Amino acid sequence: MATLNLQGYARVKCKGEEISIDGSQFSLEEAENRHIGDGDYQYETLHIYFDPEERFKILIESTLFDGKVTTYAAQVREGAAVIVEDELVAVEA
């Protein structure tokens, strides 16, 4: 089965502090092949960054279908952080 890794970085602002997070700091929390109809399947991943001080959590999803990787924008799901710059990209490993 294929796998997707994150490369690049994101910059986040939280409580006046700007934090740079490397793609390698995100953990792969979910990965599965999903049936999308007509006998086609796409590989989907969910990577999550857990702030060590538990101030916020960032999620990023990606898909691999027919040899094309799509990376969706990172999202803050918990906490008061704001994503200032998102240069994260999923790549096939």
PDB file of N, CA and C in Angstrom:
ATOM      1  N   MET A   1       0.835  -1.174   0.000  1.00  0.00           N
ATOM      2  CA  MET A   1       0.000   0.000   0.000  1.00  0.00           C
ATOM      3  C   MET A   1       0.886   1.245   0.000  1.00  0.00           C
ATOM      4  N   ALA A   2       0.444   2.249  -0.720  1.00  0.00           N
ATOM      5  CA  ALA A   2       1.170   3.522  -0.779  1.00  0.00           C
ATOM      6  C   ALA A   2       1.084   4.218   0.575  1.00  0.00           C
ATOM      7  N   THR A   3       1.960   5.152   0.773  1.00  0.00           N
ATOM      8  CA  THR A   3       1.877   5.988   1.963  1.00  0.00           C
ATOM      9  C   THR A   3       2.246   7.411   1.572  1.00  0.00           C
ATOM     10  N   LEU A   4       1.725   8.374   2.309  1.00  0.00           N
ATOM     11  CA  LEU A   4       2.012   9.784   2.051  1.00  0.00           C
ATOM     12  C   LEU A   4       2.681  10.389   3.270  1.00  0.00           C
ATOM     13  N   ASN A   5       3.748  11.125   3.042  1.00  0.00           N
ATOM     14  CA  ASN A   5       4.450  11.853   4.101  1.00  0.00           C
ATOM     15  C   ASN A   5       4.297  13.347   3.860  1.00  0.00           C
ATOM     16  N   LEU A   6       4.388  14.115   4.930  1.00  0.00           N
ATOM     17  CA  LEU A   6       4.310  15.571   4.802  1.00  0.00           C
ATOM     18  C   LEU A   6       5.699  16.175   4.712  1.00  0.00           C
ATOM     19  N   GLN A   7       5.840  17.120   3.799  1.00  0.00           N
ATOM     20  CA  GLN A   7       7.066  17.909   3.675  1.00  0.00           C
ATOM     21  C   GLN A   7       6.684  19.379   3.765  1.00  0.00           C
ATOM     22  N   GLY A   8       7.667  20.220   3.949  1.00  0.00           N
ATOM     23  CA  GLY A   8       7.426  21.653   4.053  1.00  0.00           C
ATOM     24  C   GLY A   8       7.208  22.064   5.495  1.00  0.00           C
ATOM     25  N   TYR A   9       6.484  23.161   5.674  1.00  0.00           N
ATOM     26  CA  TYR A   9       6.289  23.701   7.020  1.00  0.00           C
ATOM     27  C   TYR A   9       5.002  24.530   7.077  1.00  0.00           C
ATOM     28  N   ALA A  10       4.604  24.818   8.301  1.00  0.00           N
ATOM     29  CA  ALA A  10       3.507  25.756   8.549  1.00  0.00           C
ATOM     30  C   ALA A  10       3.983  26.716   9.642  1.00  0.00           C
ATOM     31  N   ARG A  11       3.562  27.963   9.521  1.00  0.00           N
ATOM     32  CA  ARG A  11       3.827  28.937  10.590  1.00  0.00           C
ATOM     33  C   ARG A  11       2.487  29.256  11.248  1.00  0.00           C
ATOM     34  N   VAL A  12       2.489  29.218  12.581  1.00  0.00           N
ATOM     35  CA  VAL A  12       1.274  29.399  13.355  1.00  0.00           C
ATOM     36  C   VAL A  12       1.508  30.492  14.388  1.00  0.00           C
ATOM     37  N   LYS A  13       0.484  31.291  14.616  1.00  0.00           N
ATOM     38  CA  LYS A  13       0.557  32.306  15.661  1.00  0.00           C
ATOM     39  C   LYS A  13      -0.401  31.902  16.776  1.00  0.00           C
ATOM     40  N   CYS A  14       0.133  31.855  17.996  1.00  0.00           N
ATOM     41  CA  CYS A  14      -0.660  31.449  19.148  1.00  0.00           C
ATOM     42  C   CYS A  14      -0.242  32.282  20.352  1.00  0.00           C
ATOM     43  N   LYS A  15      -1.186  33.023  20.901  1.00  0.00           N
ATOM     44  CA  LYS A  15      -0.938  33.848  22.094  1.00  0.00           C
ATOM     45  C   LYS A  15       0.267  34.763  21.896  1.00  0.00           C
ATOM     46  N   GLY A  16       0.356  35.389  20.719  1.00  0.00           N
ATOM     47  CA  GLY A  16       1.410  36.337  20.425  1.00  0.00           C
ATOM     48  C   GLY A  16       2.728  35.727  20.007  1.00  0.00           C
ATOM     49  N   GLU A  17       2.842  34.421  20.049  1.00  0.00           N
ATOM     50  CA  GLU A  17       4.074  33.724  19.673  1.00  0.00           C
ATOM     51  C   GLU A  17       3.908  33.112  18.289  1.00  0.00           C
ATOM     52  N   GLU A  18       4.915  33.278  17.431  1.00  0.00           N
ATOM     53  CA  GLU A  18       4.894  32.650  16.120  1.00  0.00           C
ATOM     54  C   GLU A  18       5.737  31.377  16.170  1.00  0.00           C
ATOM     55  N   ILE A  19       5.133  30.282  15.715  1.00  0.00           N
ATOM     56  CA  ILE A  19       5.757  28.965  15.807  1.00  0.00           C
ATOM     57  C   ILE A  19       5.880  28.373  14.411  1.00  0.00           C
ATOM     58  N   SER A  20       7.059  27.850  14.069  1.00  0.00           N
ATOM     59  CA  SER A  20       7.265  27.169  12.799  1.00  0.00           C
ATOM     60  C   SER A  20       7.206  25.663  13.055  1.00  0.00           C
ATOM     61  N   ILE A  21       6.389  24.968  12.265  1.00  0.00           N
ATOM     62  CA  ILE A  21       6.190  23.535  12.451  1.00  0.00           C
ATOM     63  C   ILE A  21       6.581  22.819  11.166  1.00  0.00           C
ATOM     64  N   ASP A  22       7.555  21.942  11.256  1.00  0.00           N
ATOM     65  CA  ASP A  22       8.006  21.172  10.108  1.00  0.00           C
ATOM     66  C   ASP A  22       7.021  20.035   9.826  1.00  0.00           C
ATOM     67  N   GLY A  23       6.861  19.681   8.555  1.00  0.00           N
ATOM     68  CA  GLY A  23       5.960  18.601   8.182  1.00  0.00           C
ATOM     69  C   GLY A  23       6.256  17.290   8.891  1.00  0.00           C
ATOM     70  N   SER A  24       7.521  17.047   9.196  1.00  0.00           N
ATOM     71  CA  SER A  24       7.903  15.802   9.873  1.00  0.00           C
ATOM     72  C   SER A  24       7.391  15.741  11.317  1.00  0.00           C
ATOM     73  N   GLN A  25       6.939  16.867  11.863  1.00  0.00           N
ATOM     74  CA  GLN A  25       6.427  16.895  13.232  1.00  0.00           C
ATOM     75  C   GLN A  25       4.961  16.456  13.316  1.00  0.00           C
ATOM     76  N   PHE A  26       4.309  16.301  12.164  1.00  0.00           N
ATOM     77  CA  PHE A  26       2.927  15.824  12.140  1.00  0.00           C
ATOM     78  C   PHE A  26       2.937  14.302  12.216  1.00  0.00           C
ATOM     79  N   SER A  27       1.990  13.739  12.947  1.00  0.00           N
ATOM     80  CA  SER A  27       1.899  12.281  13.020  1.00  0.00           C
ATOM     81  C   SER A  27       0.766  11.790  12.127  1.00  0.00           C
ATOM     82  N   LEU A  28       0.978  10.649  11.506  1.00  0.00           N
ATOM     83  CA  LEU A  28      -0.031  10.030  10.661  1.00  0.00           C
ATOM     84  C   LEU A  28      -1.028   9.335  11.582  1.00  0.00           C
ATOM     85  N   GLU A  29      -2.252   9.852  11.618  1.00  0.00           N
ATOM     86  CA  GLU A  29      -3.265   9.320  12.524  1.00  0.00           C
ATOM     87  C   GLU A  29      -4.248   8.388  11.824  1.00  0.00           C
ATOM     88  N   GLU A  30      -4.497   8.622  10.541  1.00  0.00           N
ATOM     89  CA  GLU A  30      -5.403   7.761   9.781  1.00  0.00           C
ATOM     90  C   GLU A  30      -4.870   7.599   8.365  1.00  0.00           C
ATOM     91  N   ALA A  31      -5.036   6.395   7.818  1.00  0.00           N
ATOM     92  CA  ALA A  31      -4.649   6.112   6.437  1.00  0.00           C
ATOM     93  C   ALA A  31      -5.488   4.943   5.959  1.00  0.00           C
ATOM     94  N   GLU A  32      -6.203   5.137   4.842  1.00  0.00           N
ATOM     95  CA  GLU A  32      -7.042   4.063   4.337  1.00  0.00           C
ATOM     96  C   GLU A  32      -7.350   4.243   2.860  1.00  0.00           C
ATOM     97  N   ASN A  33      -7.652   3.130   2.211  1.00  0.00           N
ATOM     98  CA  ASN A  33      -8.150   3.155   0.847  1.00  0.00           C
ATOM     99  C   ASN A  33      -9.668   3.251   0.927  1.00  0.00           C
ATOM    100  N   ARG A  34     -10.247   4.226   0.238  1.00  0.00           N
ATOM    101  CA  ARG A  34     -11.694   4.433   0.283  1.00  0.00           C
ATOM    102  C   ARG A  34     -12.285   4.271  -1.109  1.00  0.00           C
ATOM    103  N   HIS A  35     -13.360   3.523  -1.189  1.00  0.00           N
ATOM    104  CA  HIS A  35     -14.053   3.318  -2.456  1.00  0.00           C
ATOM    105  C   HIS A  35     -14.790   4.601  -2.824  1.00  0.00           C
ATOM    106  N   ILE A  36     -14.550   5.114  -4.041  1.00  0.00           N
ATOM    107  CA  ILE A  36     -15.175   6.374  -4.460  1.00  0.00           C
ATOM    108  C   ILE A  36     -16.125   6.174  -5.644  1.00  0.00           C
ATOM    109  N   GLY A  37     -16.471   4.921  -5.927  1.00  0.00           N
ATOM    110  CA  GLY A  37     -17.428   4.621  -6.989  1.00  0.00           C
ATOM    111  C   GLY A  37     -16.767   4.094  -8.244  1.00  0.00           C
ATOM    112  N   ASP A  38     -17.560   3.437  -9.066  1.00  0.00           N
ATOM    113  CA  ASP A  38     -17.106   2.884 -10.348  1.00  0.00           C
ATOM    114  C   ASP A  38     -15.873   1.994 -10.217  1.00  0.00           C
ATOM    115  N   GLY A  39     -15.737   1.328  -9.080  1.00  0.00           N
ATOM    116  CA  GLY A  39     -14.596   0.446  -8.875  1.00  0.00           C
ATOM    117  C   GLY A  39     -13.305   1.158  -8.532  1.00  0.00           C
ATOM    118  N   ASP A  40     -13.359   2.483  -8.372  1.00  0.00           N
ATOM    119  CA  ASP A  40     -12.160   3.270  -8.056  1.00  0.00           C
ATOM    120  C   ASP A  40     -11.983   3.421  -6.543  1.00  0.00           C
ATOM    121  N   TYR A  41     -10.723   3.433  -6.148  1.00  0.00           N
ATOM    122  CA  TYR A  41     -10.361   3.662  -4.750  1.00  0.00           C
ATOM    123  C   TYR A  41      -9.343   4.789  -4.696  1.00  0.00           C
ATOM    124  N   GLN A  42      -9.414   5.581  -3.625  1.00  0.00           N
ATOM    125  CA  GLN A  42      -8.354   6.568  -3.395  1.00  0.00           C
ATOM    126  C   GLN A  42      -7.803   6.357  -1.997  1.00  0.00           C
ATOM    127  N   TYR A  43      -6.519   6.620  -1.873  1.00  0.00           N
ATOM    128  CA  TYR A  43      -5.833   6.501  -0.595  1.00  0.00           C
ATOM    129  C   TYR A  43      -5.953   7.844   0.115  1.00  0.00           C
ATOM    130  N   GLU A  44      -6.397   7.833   1.368  1.00  0.00           N
ATOM    131  CA  GLU A  44      -6.610   9.068   2.128  1.00  0.00           C
ATOM    132  C   GLU A  44      -5.803   9.029   3.421  1.00  0.00           C
ATOM    133  N   THR A  45      -5.236  10.177   3.776  1.00  0.00           N
ATOM    134  CA  THR A  45      -4.492  10.261   5.030  1.00  0.00           C
ATOM    135  C   THR A  45      -4.932  11.474   5.839  1.00  0.00           C
ATOM    136  N   LEU A  46      -4.745  11.363   7.135  1.00  0.00           N
ATOM    137  CA  LEU A  46      -4.974  12.465   8.060  1.00  0.00           C
ATOM    138  C   LEU A  46      -3.741  12.566   8.943  1.00  0.00           C
ATOM    139  N   HIS A  47      -3.037  13.694   8.843  1.00  0.00           N
ATOM    140  CA  HIS A  47      -1.884  13.972   9.694  1.00  0.00           C
ATOM    141  C   HIS A  47      -2.303  15.023  10.724  1.00  0.00           C
ATOM    142  N   ILE A  48      -1.815  14.869  11.948  1.00  0.00           N
ATOM    143  CA  ILE A  48      -2.157  15.813  13.018  1.00  0.00           C
ATOM    144  C   ILE A  48      -0.887  16.256  13.738  1.00  0.00           C
ATOM    145  N   TYR A  49      -0.839  17.553  14.014  1.00  0.00           N
ATOM    146  CA  TYR A  49       0.235  18.098  14.863  1.00  0.00           C
ATOM    147  C   TYR A  49      -0.383  18.416  16.211  1.00  0.00           C
ATOM    148  N   PHE A  50       0.189  17.845  17.263  1.00  0.00           N
ATOM    149  CA  PHE A  50      -0.251  18.107  18.622  1.00  0.00           C
ATOM    150  C   PHE A  50       0.771  19.026  19.278  1.00  0.00           C
ATOM    151  N   ASP A  51       0.374  20.247  19.605  1.00  0.00           N
ATOM    152  CA  ASP A  51       1.277  21.176  20.270  1.00  0.00           C
ATOM    153  C   ASP A  51       1.732  20.587  21.604  1.00  0.00           C
ATOM    154  N   PRO A  52       3.039  20.557  21.861  1.00  0.00           N
ATOM    155  CA  PRO A  52       3.548  19.962  23.106  1.00  0.00           C
ATOM    156  C   PRO A  52       2.986  20.625  24.368  1.00  0.00           C
ATOM    157  N   GLU A  53       2.612  21.904  24.249  1.00  0.00           N
ATOM    158  CA  GLU A  53       2.052  22.609  25.408  1.00  0.00           C
ATOM    159  C   GLU A  53       0.525  22.554  25.426  1.00  0.00           C
ATOM    160  N   GLU A  54      -0.055  21.765  24.494  1.00  0.00           N
ATOM    161  CA  GLU A  54      -1.493  21.523  24.398  1.00  0.00           C
ATOM    162  C   GLU A  54      -2.313  22.802  24.188  1.00  0.00           C
ATOM    163  N   ARG A  55      -1.733  23.760  23.433  1.00  0.00           N
ATOM    164  CA  ARG A  55      -2.445  25.004  23.146  1.00  0.00           C
ATOM    165  C   ARG A  55      -3.319  24.890  21.905  1.00  0.00           C
ATOM    166  N   PHE A  56      -2.961  23.977  20.985  1.00  0.00           N
ATOM    167  CA  PHE A  56      -3.712  23.828  19.743  1.00  0.00           C
ATOM    168  C   PHE A  56      -3.402  22.495  19.086  1.00  0.00           C
ATOM    169  N   LYS A  57      -4.214  22.153  18.098  1.00  0.00           N
ATOM    170  CA  LYS A  57      -4.037  20.938  17.301  1.00  0.00           C
ATOM    171  C   LYS A  57      -4.307  21.331  15.851  1.00  0.00           C
ATOM    172  N   ILE A  58      -3.440  20.867  14.922  1.00  0.00           N
ATOM    173  CA  ILE A  58      -3.585  21.188  13.503  1.00  0.00           C
ATOM    174  C   ILE A  58      -3.764  19.885  12.722  1.00  0.00           C
ATOM    175  N   LEU A  59      -4.756  19.876  11.824  1.00  0.00           N
ATOM    176  CA  LEU A  59      -5.039  18.718  10.990  1.00  0.00           C
ATOM    177  C   LEU A  59      -4.768  19.059   9.535  1.00  0.00           C
ATOM    178  N   ILE A  60      -4.278  18.072   8.789  1.00  0.00           N
ATOM    179  CA  ILE A  60      -4.107  18.239   7.348  1.00  0.00           C
ATOM    180  C   ILE A  60      -4.436  16.901   6.677  1.00  0.00           C
ATOM    181  N   GLU A  61      -5.273  16.974   5.659  1.00  0.00           N
ATOM    182  CA  GLU A  61      -5.699  15.791   4.929  1.00  0.00           C
ATOM    183  C   GLU A  61      -5.063  15.769   3.545  1.00  0.00           C
ATOM    184  N   SER A  62      -4.867  14.567   3.027  1.00  0.00           N
ATOM    185  CA  SER A  62      -4.335  14.422   1.668  1.00  0.00           C
ATOM    186  C   SER A  62      -4.905  13.152   1.046  1.00  0.00           C
ATOM    187  N   THR A  63      -4.902  13.131  -0.284  1.00  0.00           N
ATOM    188  CA  THR A  63      -5.403  11.969  -1.026  1.00  0.00           C
ATOM    189  C   THR A  63      -4.433  11.620  -2.146  1.00  0.00           C
ATOM    190  N   LEU A  64      -4.476  10.360  -2.528  1.00  0.00           N
ATOM    191  CA  LEU A  64      -3.714   9.867  -3.670  1.00  0.00           C
ATOM    192  C   LEU A  64      -4.695   9.097  -4.545  1.00  0.00           C
ATOM    193  N   PHE A  65      -4.910   9.583  -5.771  1.00  0.00           N
ATOM    194  CA  PHE A  65      -5.815   8.920  -6.701  1.00  0.00           C
ATOM    195  C   PHE A  65      -5.224   8.982  -8.102  1.00  0.00           C
ATOM    196  N   ASP A  66      -5.130   7.835  -8.721  1.00  0.00           N
ATOM    197  CA  ASP A  66      -4.657   7.732 -10.098  1.00  0.00           C
ATOM    198  C   ASP A  66      -3.286   8.405 -10.278  1.00  0.00           C
ATOM    199  N   GLY A  67      -2.409   8.233  -9.265  1.00  0.00           N
ATOM    200  CA  GLY A  67      -1.062   8.782  -9.335  1.00  0.00           C
ATOM    201  C   GLY A  67      -0.939  10.249  -8.975  1.00  0.00           C
ATOM    202  N   LYS A  68      -2.051  10.917  -8.639  1.00  0.00           N
ATOM    203  CA  LYS A  68      -2.026  12.354  -8.308  1.00  0.00           C
ATOM    204  C   LYS A  68      -2.273  12.554  -6.823  1.00  0.00           C
ATOM    205  N   VAL A  69      -1.366  13.290  -6.177  1.00  0.00           N
ATOM    206  CA  VAL A  69      -1.493  13.604  -4.756  1.00  0.00           C
ATOM    207  C   VAL A  69      -2.145  14.977  -4.609  1.00  0.00           C
ATOM    208  N   THR A  70      -3.157  15.043  -3.749  1.00  0.00           N
ATOM    209  CA  THR A  70      -3.812  16.314  -3.433  1.00  0.00           C
ATOM    210  C   THR A  70      -3.641  16.567  -1.942  1.00  0.00           C
ATOM    211  N   THR A  71      -3.158  17.741  -1.598  1.00  0.00           N
ATOM    212  CA  THR A  71      -2.986  18.140  -0.200  1.00  0.00           C
ATOM    213  C   THR A  71      -3.968  19.273   0.080  1.00  0.00           C
ATOM    214  N   TYR A  72      -4.782  19.113   1.093  1.00  0.00           N
ATOM    215  CA  TYR A  72      -5.760  20.135   1.458  1.00  0.00           C
ATOM    216  C   TYR A  72      -5.159  21.071   2.504  1.00  0.00           C
ATOM    217  N   ALA A  73      -5.696  22.254   2.603  1.00  0.00           N
ATOM    218  CA  ALA A  73      -5.174  23.270   3.524  1.00  0.00           C
ATOM    219  C   ALA A  73      -5.232  22.790   4.972  1.00  0.00           C
ATOM    220  N   ALA A  74      -4.190  23.093   5.714  1.00  0.00           N
ATOM    221  CA  ALA A  74      -4.137  22.774   7.136  1.00  0.00           C
ATOM    222  C   ALA A  74      -5.212  23.567   7.869  1.00  0.00           C
ATOM    223  N   GLN A  75      -5.748  22.963   8.936  1.00  0.00           N
ATOM    224  CA  GLN A  75      -6.805  23.597   9.718  1.00  0.00           C
ATOM    225  C   GLN A  75      -6.518  23.469  11.204  1.00  0.00           C
ATOM    226  N   VAL A  76      -6.784  24.529  11.941  1.00  0.00           N
ATOM    227  CA  VAL A  76      -6.699  24.474  13.395  1.00  0.00           C
ATOM    228  C   VAL A  76      -8.026  23.901  13.884  1.00  0.00           C
ATOM    229  N   ARG A  77      -7.970  22.828  14.643  1.00  0.00           N
ATOM    230  CA  ARG A  77      -9.198  22.203  15.122  1.00  0.00           C
ATOM    231  C   ARG A  77      -9.438  22.430  16.606  1.00  0.00           C
ATOM    232  N   GLU A  78      -8.410  22.703  17.338  1.00  0.00           N
ATOM    233  CA  GLU A  78      -8.556  22.983  18.760  1.00  0.00           C
ATOM    234  C   GLU A  78      -7.603  24.101  19.114  1.00  0.00           C
ATOM    235  N   GLY A  79      -8.039  24.998  19.980  1.00  0.00           N
ATOM    236  CA  GLY A  79      -7.180  26.067  20.443  1.00  0.00           C
ATOM    237  C   GLY A  79      -7.398  27.353  19.679  1.00  0.00           C
ATOM    238  N   ALA A  80      -6.672  28.375  20.091  1.00  0.00           N
ATOM    239  CA  ALA A  80      -6.844  29.719  19.546  1.00  0.00           C
ATOM    240  C   ALA A  80      -5.733  30.105  18.575  1.00  0.00           C
ATOM    241  N   ALA A  81      -5.078  29.147  17.985  1.00  0.00           N
ATOM    242  CA  ALA A  81      -3.990  29.429  17.045  1.00  0.00           C
ATOM    243  C   ALA A  81      -4.542  29.850  15.684  1.00  0.00           C
ATOM    244  N   VAL A  82      -3.724  30.583  14.939  1.00  0.00           N
ATOM    245  CA  VAL A  82      -4.058  31.009  13.583  1.00  0.00           C
ATOM    246  C   VAL A  82      -2.903  30.589  12.676  1.00  0.00           C
ATOM    247  N   ILE A  83      -3.236  29.961  11.546  1.00  0.00           N
ATOM    248  CA  ILE A  83      -2.203  29.570  10.592  1.00  0.00           C
ATOM    249  C   ILE A  83      -1.833  30.796   9.766  1.00  0.00           C
ATOM    250  N   VAL A  84      -0.570  31.206   9.854  1.00  0.00           N
ATOM    251  CA  VAL A  84      -0.063  32.381   9.155  1.00  0.00           C
ATOM    252  C   VAL A  84       0.424  32.011   7.761  1.00  0.00           C
ATOM    253  N   GLU A  85       1.066  30.842   7.655  1.00  0.00           N
ATOM    254  CA  GLU A  85       1.603  30.379   6.375  1.00  0.00           C
ATOM    255  C   GLU A  85       1.517  28.857   6.336  1.00  0.00           C
ATOM    256  N   ASP A  86       1.037  28.331   5.214  1.00  0.00           N
ATOM    257  CA  ASP A  86       0.894  26.894   5.051  1.00  0.00           C
ATOM    258  C   ASP A  86       1.643  26.465   3.791  1.00  0.00           C
ATOM    259  N   GLU A  87       2.811  25.893   3.978  1.00  0.00           N
ATOM    260  CA  GLU A  87       3.639  25.406   2.869  1.00  0.00           C
ATOM    261  C   GLU A  87       3.798  23.883   2.975  1.00  0.00           C
ATOM    262  N   LEU A  88       2.807  23.234   3.572  1.00  0.00           N
ATOM    263  CA  LEU A  88       2.847  21.787   3.722  1.00  0.00           C
ATOM    264  C   LEU A  88       2.365  21.103   2.459  1.00  0.00           C
ATOM    265  N   VAL A  89       3.004  20.012   2.096  1.00  0.00           N
ATOM    266  CA  VAL A  89       2.612  19.254   0.918  1.00  0.00           C
ATOM    267  C   VAL A  89       2.852  17.767   1.201  1.00  0.00           C
ATOM    268  N   ALA A  90       1.871  16.955   0.803  1.00  0.00           N
ATOM    269  CA  ALA A  90       2.023  15.507   0.945  1.00  0.00           C
ATOM    270  C   ALA A  90       2.753  14.965  -0.281  1.00  0.00           C
ATOM    271  N   VAL A  91       3.643  14.008  -0.035  1.00  0.00           N
ATOM    272  CA  VAL A  91       4.387  13.369  -1.131  1.00  0.00           C
ATOM    273  C   VAL A  91       4.319  11.866  -0.930  1.00  0.00           C
ATOM    274  N   GLU A  92       4.284  11.152  -2.035  1.00  0.00           N
ATOM    275  CA  GLU A  92       4.237   9.702  -1.982  1.00  0.00           C
ATOM    276  C   GLU A  92       5.592   9.170  -1.534  1.00  0.00           C
ATOM    277  N   ALA A  93       5.561   8.288  -0.556  1.00  0.00           N
ATOM    278  CA  ALA A  93       6.809   7.731  -0.018  1.00  0.00           C
ATOM    279  C   ALA A  93       7.137   6.412  -0.676  1.00  0.00           C
TER     280      ALA A  93
END
